[in-house]
Amino acid sequence: QVGANRVQAKHDVNNPHSGLVMKKCGMKYEGTLRSAAVNNQGVCDVSIYALLKSDR
């Protein structure tokens, strides 16, 4: 156990299956950051998911 208050993850919006994995882990979608990352095709948007201690 780490005792973290917040765990956050992000994924390329062009890979929606990653978002499904995050949802299965109990994470909640918090929004999309535009042009926030780079993949092998260039700049891309990312979706942010998080799990808070209070979500348990």
PDB file of N, CA and C in Angstrom:
ATOM      1  N   GLN A   1       0.831  -1.183   0.000  1.00  0.00           N
ATOM      2  CA  GLN A   1       0.000   0.000   0.000  1.00  0.00           C
ATOM      3  C   GLN A   1       0.873   1.243   0.000  1.00  0.00           C
ATOM      4  N   VAL A   2       0.473   2.195  -0.819  1.00  0.00           N
ATOM      5  CA  VAL A   2       1.221   3.444  -0.943  1.00  0.00           C
ATOM      6  C   VAL A   2       0.585   4.554  -0.116  1.00  0.00           C
ATOM      7  N   GLY A   3      -0.725   4.559  -0.018  1.00  0.00           N
ATOM      8  CA  GLY A   3      -1.411   5.603   0.729  1.00  0.00           C
ATOM      9  C   GLY A   3      -1.625   6.869  -0.072  1.00  0.00           C
ATOM     10  N   ALA A   4      -1.564   6.769  -1.396  1.00  0.00           N
ATOM     11  CA  ALA A   4      -1.740   7.944  -2.256  1.00  0.00           C
ATOM     12  C   ALA A   4      -3.182   8.442  -2.191  1.00  0.00           C
ATOM     13  N   ASN A   5      -3.350   9.741  -2.297  1.00  0.00           N
ATOM     14  CA  ASN A   5      -4.679  10.339  -2.332  1.00  0.00           C
ATOM     15  C   ASN A   5      -5.253  10.304  -3.745  1.00  0.00           C
ATOM     16  N   ARG A   6      -4.366  10.322  -4.757  1.00  0.00           N
ATOM     17  CA  ARG A   6      -4.815  10.387  -6.141  1.00  0.00           C
ATOM     18  C   ARG A   6      -3.866   9.605  -7.037  1.00  0.00           C
ATOM     19  N   VAL A   7      -4.451   8.808  -7.929  1.00  0.00           N
ATOM     20  CA  VAL A   7      -3.694   8.127  -8.972  1.00  0.00           C
ATOM     21  C   VAL A   7      -4.272   8.614 -10.288  1.00  0.00           C
ATOM     22  N   GLN A   8      -3.407   9.058 -11.190  1.00  0.00           N
ATOM     23  CA  GLN A   8      -3.845   9.654 -12.450  1.00  0.00           C
ATOM     24  C   GLN A   8      -3.178   8.935 -13.613  1.00  0.00           C
ATOM     25  N   ALA A   9      -3.915   8.807 -14.716  1.00  0.00           N
ATOM     26  CA  ALA A   9      -3.368   8.206 -15.927  1.00  0.00           C
ATOM     27  C   ALA A   9      -3.925   8.950 -17.132  1.00  0.00           C
ATOM     28  N   LYS A  10      -3.213   8.871 -18.234  1.00  0.00           N
ATOM     29  CA  LYS A  10      -3.678   9.515 -19.467  1.00  0.00           C
ATOM     30  C   LYS A  10      -3.439   8.575 -20.633  1.00  0.00           C
ATOM     31  N   HIS A  11      -4.199   8.781 -21.694  1.00  0.00           N
ATOM     32  CA  HIS A  11      -4.004   7.984 -22.904  1.00  0.00           C
ATOM     33  C   HIS A  11      -4.320   8.815 -24.134  1.00  0.00           C
ATOM     34  N   ASP A  12      -3.707   8.423 -25.221  1.00  0.00           N
ATOM     35  CA  ASP A  12      -3.937   9.036 -26.528  1.00  0.00           C
ATOM     36  C   ASP A  12      -5.405   8.809 -26.905  1.00  0.00           C
ATOM     37  N   VAL A  13      -6.112   9.848 -27.293  1.00  0.00           N
ATOM     38  CA  VAL A  13      -7.534   9.703 -27.640  1.00  0.00           C
ATOM     39  C   VAL A  13      -7.740   8.797 -28.855  1.00  0.00           C
ATOM     40  N   ASN A  14      -6.697   8.575 -29.637  1.00  0.00           N
ATOM     41  CA  ASN A  14      -6.791   7.681 -30.788  1.00  0.00           C
ATOM     42  C   ASN A  14      -6.706   6.209 -30.384  1.00  0.00           C
ATOM     43  N   ASN A  15      -6.563   5.940 -29.091  1.00  0.00           N
ATOM     44  CA  ASN A  15      -6.506   4.575 -28.574  1.00  0.00           C
ATOM     45  C   ASN A  15      -7.570   4.408 -27.480  1.00  0.00           C
ATOM     46  N   PRO A  16      -8.833   4.334 -27.869  1.00  0.00           N
ATOM     47  CA  PRO A  16      -9.916   4.290 -26.884  1.00  0.00           C
ATOM     48  C   PRO A  16      -9.898   3.044 -25.998  1.00  0.00           C
ATOM     49  N   HIS A  17      -9.264   1.961 -26.433  1.00  0.00           N
ATOM     50  CA  HIS A  17      -9.205   0.749 -25.610  1.00  0.00           C
ATOM     51  C   HIS A  17      -8.446   1.002 -24.305  1.00  0.00           C
ATOM     52  N   SER A  18      -7.485   1.907 -24.338  1.00  0.00           N
ATOM     53  CA  SER A  18      -6.766   2.255 -23.104  1.00  0.00           C
ATOM     54  C   SER A  18      -7.715   2.890 -22.096  1.00  0.00           C
ATOM     55  N   GLY A  19      -8.643   3.694 -22.573  1.00  0.00           N
ATOM     56  CA  GLY A  19      -9.633   4.300 -21.690  1.00  0.00           C
ATOM     57  C   GLY A  19     -10.533   3.252 -21.051  1.00  0.00           C
ATOM     58  N   LEU A  20     -10.862   2.207 -21.802  1.00  0.00           N
ATOM     59  CA  LEU A  20     -11.692   1.135 -21.253  1.00  0.00           C
ATOM     60  C   LEU A  20     -10.972   0.416 -20.119  1.00  0.00           C
ATOM     61  N   VAL A  21      -9.666   0.223 -20.266  1.00  0.00           N
ATOM     62  CA  VAL A  21      -8.878  -0.406 -19.203  1.00  0.00           C
ATOM     63  C   VAL A  21      -8.920   0.460 -17.947  1.00  0.00           C
ATOM     64  N   MET A  22      -8.771   1.766 -18.120  1.00  0.00           N
ATOM     65  CA  MET A  22      -8.793   2.678 -16.974  1.00  0.00           C
ATOM     66  C   MET A  22     -10.149   2.651 -16.276  1.00  0.00           C
ATOM     67  N   LYS A  23     -11.230   2.601 -17.059  1.00  0.00           N
ATOM     68  CA  LYS A  23     -12.573   2.522 -16.474  1.00  0.00           C
ATOM     69  C   LYS A  23     -12.749   1.224 -15.695  1.00  0.00           C
ATOM     70  N   LYS A  24     -12.233   0.115 -16.235  1.00  0.00           N
ATOM     71  CA  LYS A  24     -12.340  -1.173 -15.548  1.00  0.00           C
ATOM     72  C   LYS A  24     -11.584  -1.166 -14.228  1.00  0.00           C
ATOM     73  N   CYS A  25     -10.561  -0.328 -14.134  1.00  0.00           N
ATOM     74  CA  CYS A  25      -9.790  -0.200 -12.889  1.00  0.00           C
ATOM     75  C   CYS A  25     -10.490   0.709 -11.887  1.00  0.00           C
ATOM     76  N   GLY A  26     -11.635   1.277 -12.270  1.00  0.00           N
ATOM     77  CA  GLY A  26     -12.384   2.144 -11.367  1.00  0.00           C
ATOM     78  C   GLY A  26     -12.058   3.615 -11.511  1.00  0.00           C
ATOM     79  N   MET A  27     -11.222   3.952 -12.488  1.00  0.00           N
ATOM     80  CA  MET A  27     -10.855   5.357 -12.685  1.00  0.00           C
ATOM     81  C   MET A  27     -12.008   6.106 -13.344  1.00  0.00           C
ATOM     82  N   LYS A  28     -12.077   7.405 -13.099  1.00  0.00           N
ATOM     83  CA  LYS A  28     -13.127   8.244 -13.668  1.00  0.00           C
ATOM     84  C   LYS A  28     -12.527   9.212 -14.683  1.00  0.00           C
ATOM     85  N   TYR A  29     -13.244   9.377 -15.794  1.00  0.00           N
ATOM     86  CA  TYR A  29     -12.824  10.311 -16.836  1.00  0.00           C
ATOM     87  C   TYR A  29     -12.928  11.734 -16.300  1.00  0.00           C
ATOM     88  N   GLU A  30     -11.866  12.523 -16.482  1.00  0.00           N
ATOM     89  CA  GLU A  30     -11.862  13.898 -15.985  1.00  0.00           C
ATOM     90  C   GLU A  30     -11.790  14.939 -17.093  1.00  0.00           C
ATOM     91  N   GLY A  31     -11.419  14.546 -18.282  1.00  0.00           N
ATOM     92  CA  GLY A  31     -11.371  15.514 -19.364  1.00  0.00           C
ATOM     93  C   GLY A  31     -10.335  15.166 -20.414  1.00  0.00           C
ATOM     94  N   THR A  32     -10.260  16.027 -21.419  1.00  0.00           N
ATOM     95  CA  THR A  32      -9.312  15.848 -22.514  1.00  0.00           C
ATOM     96  C   THR A  32      -8.412  17.068 -22.603  1.00  0.00           C
ATOM     97  N   LEU A  33      -7.129  16.812 -22.692  1.00  0.00           N
ATOM     98  CA  LEU A  33      -6.143  17.877 -22.889  1.00  0.00           C
ATOM     99  C   LEU A  33      -5.799  17.913 -24.372  1.00  0.00           C
ATOM    100  N   ARG A  34      -6.004  19.054 -24.983  1.00  0.00           N
ATOM    101  CA  ARG A  34      -5.758  19.183 -26.415  1.00  0.00           C
ATOM    102  C   ARG A  34      -4.279  19.406 -26.692  1.00  0.00           C
ATOM    103  N   SER A  35      -3.782  18.717 -27.710  1.00  0.00           N
ATOM    104  CA  SER A  35      -2.381  18.833 -28.150  1.00  0.00           C
ATOM    105  C   SER A  35      -1.417  18.745 -26.970  1.00  0.00           C
ATOM    106  N   ALA A  36      -1.599  17.748 -26.127  1.00  0.00           N
ATOM    107  CA  ALA A  36      -0.833  17.651 -24.884  1.00  0.00           C
ATOM    108  C   ALA A  36       0.254  16.583 -24.898  1.00  0.00           C
ATOM    109  N   ALA A  37       0.343  15.809 -25.972  1.00  0.00           N
ATOM    110  CA  ALA A  37       1.350  14.745 -26.018  1.00  0.00           C
ATOM    111  C   ALA A  37       1.793  14.533 -27.460  1.00  0.00           C
ATOM    112  N   VAL A  38       2.805  13.711 -27.596  1.00  0.00           N
ATOM    113  CA  VAL A  38       3.320  13.373 -28.925  1.00  0.00           C
ATOM    114  C   VAL A  38       3.325  11.855 -29.051  1.00  0.00           C
ATOM    115  N   ASN A  39       2.793  11.363 -30.168  1.00  0.00           N
ATOM    116  CA  ASN A  39       2.874   9.936 -30.461  1.00  0.00           C
ATOM    117  C   ASN A  39       3.674   9.760 -31.752  1.00  0.00           C
ATOM    118  N   ASN A  40       3.671   8.559 -32.323  1.00  0.00           N
ATOM    119  CA  ASN A  40       4.463   8.333 -33.536  1.00  0.00           C
ATOM    120  C   ASN A  40       3.891   9.024 -34.772  1.00  0.00           C
ATOM    121  N   GLN A  41       2.725   9.634 -34.645  1.00  0.00           N
ATOM    122  CA  GLN A  41       2.124  10.367 -35.758  1.00  0.00           C
ATOM    123  C   GLN A  41       2.169  11.872 -35.559  1.00  0.00           C
ATOM    124  N   GLY A  42       2.710  12.317 -34.443  1.00  0.00           N
ATOM    125  CA  GLY A  42       2.805  13.747 -34.164  1.00  0.00           C
ATOM    126  C   GLY A  42       2.092  14.125 -32.877  1.00  0.00           C
ATOM    127  N   VAL A  43       1.658  15.365 -32.799  1.00  0.00           N
ATOM    128  CA  VAL A  43       0.988  15.884 -31.601  1.00  0.00           C
ATOM    129  C   VAL A  43      -0.424  15.305 -31.520  1.00  0.00           C
ATOM    130  N   CYS A  44      -0.842  14.950 -30.294  1.00  0.00           N
ATOM    131  CA  CYS A  44      -2.171  14.355 -30.124  1.00  0.00           C
ATOM    132  C   CYS A  44      -2.830  14.855 -28.840  1.00  0.00           C
ATOM    133  N   ASP A  45      -4.131  14.658 -28.767  1.00  0.00           N
ATOM    134  CA  ASP A  45      -4.903  14.955 -27.561  1.00  0.00           C
ATOM    135  C   ASP A  45      -4.813  13.753 -26.619  1.00  0.00           C
ATOM    136  N   VAL A  46      -4.958  14.004 -25.324  1.00  0.00           N
ATOM    137  CA  VAL A  46      -4.959  12.909 -24.351  1.00  0.00           C
ATOM    138  C   VAL A  46      -6.158  13.027 -23.420  1.00  0.00           C
ATOM    139  N   SER A  47      -6.704  11.893 -23.056  1.00  0.00           N
ATOM    140  CA  SER A  47      -7.784  11.831 -22.073  1.00  0.00           C
ATOM    141  C   SER A  47      -7.173  11.540 -20.714  1.00  0.00           C
ATOM    142  N   ILE A  48      -7.694  12.211 -19.691  1.00  0.00           N
ATOM    143  CA  ILE A  48      -7.198  12.058 -18.328  1.00  0.00           C
ATOM    144  C   ILE A  48      -8.225  11.288 -17.496  1.00  0.00           C
ATOM    145  N   TYR A  49      -7.740  10.296 -16.764  1.00  0.00           N
ATOM    146  CA  TYR A  49      -8.553   9.520 -15.832  1.00  0.00           C
ATOM    147  C   TYR A  49      -7.882   9.571 -14.471  1.00  0.00           C
ATOM    148  N   ALA A  50      -8.674   9.487 -13.409  1.00  0.00           N
ATOM    149  CA  ALA A  50      -8.096   9.502 -12.065  1.00  0.00           C
ATOM    150  C   ALA A  50      -8.934   8.656 -11.119  1.00  0.00           C
ATOM    151  N   LEU A  51      -8.262   8.183 -10.070  1.00  0.00           N
ATOM    152  CA  LEU A  51      -8.902   7.452  -8.990  1.00  0.00           C
ATOM    153  C   LEU A  51      -8.486   8.131  -7.697  1.00  0.00           C
ATOM    154  N   LEU A  52      -9.476   8.600  -6.933  1.00  0.00           N
ATOM    155  CA  LEU A  52      -9.209   9.271  -5.667  1.00  0.00           C
ATOM    156  C   LEU A  52      -9.432   8.313  -4.504  1.00  0.00           C
ATOM    157  N   LYS A  53      -8.745   8.564  -3.421  1.00  0.00           N
ATOM    158  CA  LYS A  53      -8.927   7.757  -2.212  1.00  0.00           C
ATOM    159  C   LYS A  53     -10.400   7.771  -1.794  1.00  0.00           C
ATOM    160  N   SER A  54     -11.056   8.914  -1.956  1.00  0.00           N
ATOM    161  CA  SER A  54     -12.469   9.048  -1.569  1.00  0.00           C
ATOM    162  C   SER A  54     -13.417   8.300  -2.510  1.00  0.00           C
ATOM    163  N   ASP A  55     -12.931   7.833  -3.663  1.00  0.00           N
ATOM    164  CA  ASP A  55     -13.761   7.081  -4.607  1.00  0.00           C
ATOM    165  C   ASP A  55     -13.979   5.638  -4.161  1.00  0.00           C
ATOM    166  N   ARG A  56     -13.199   5.168  -3.216  1.00  0.00           N
ATOM    167  CA  ARG A  56     -13.291   3.765  -2.804  1.00  0.00           C
ATOM    168  C   ARG A  56     -14.541   3.463  -2.062  1.00  0.00           C
TER     169      ARG A  56
END
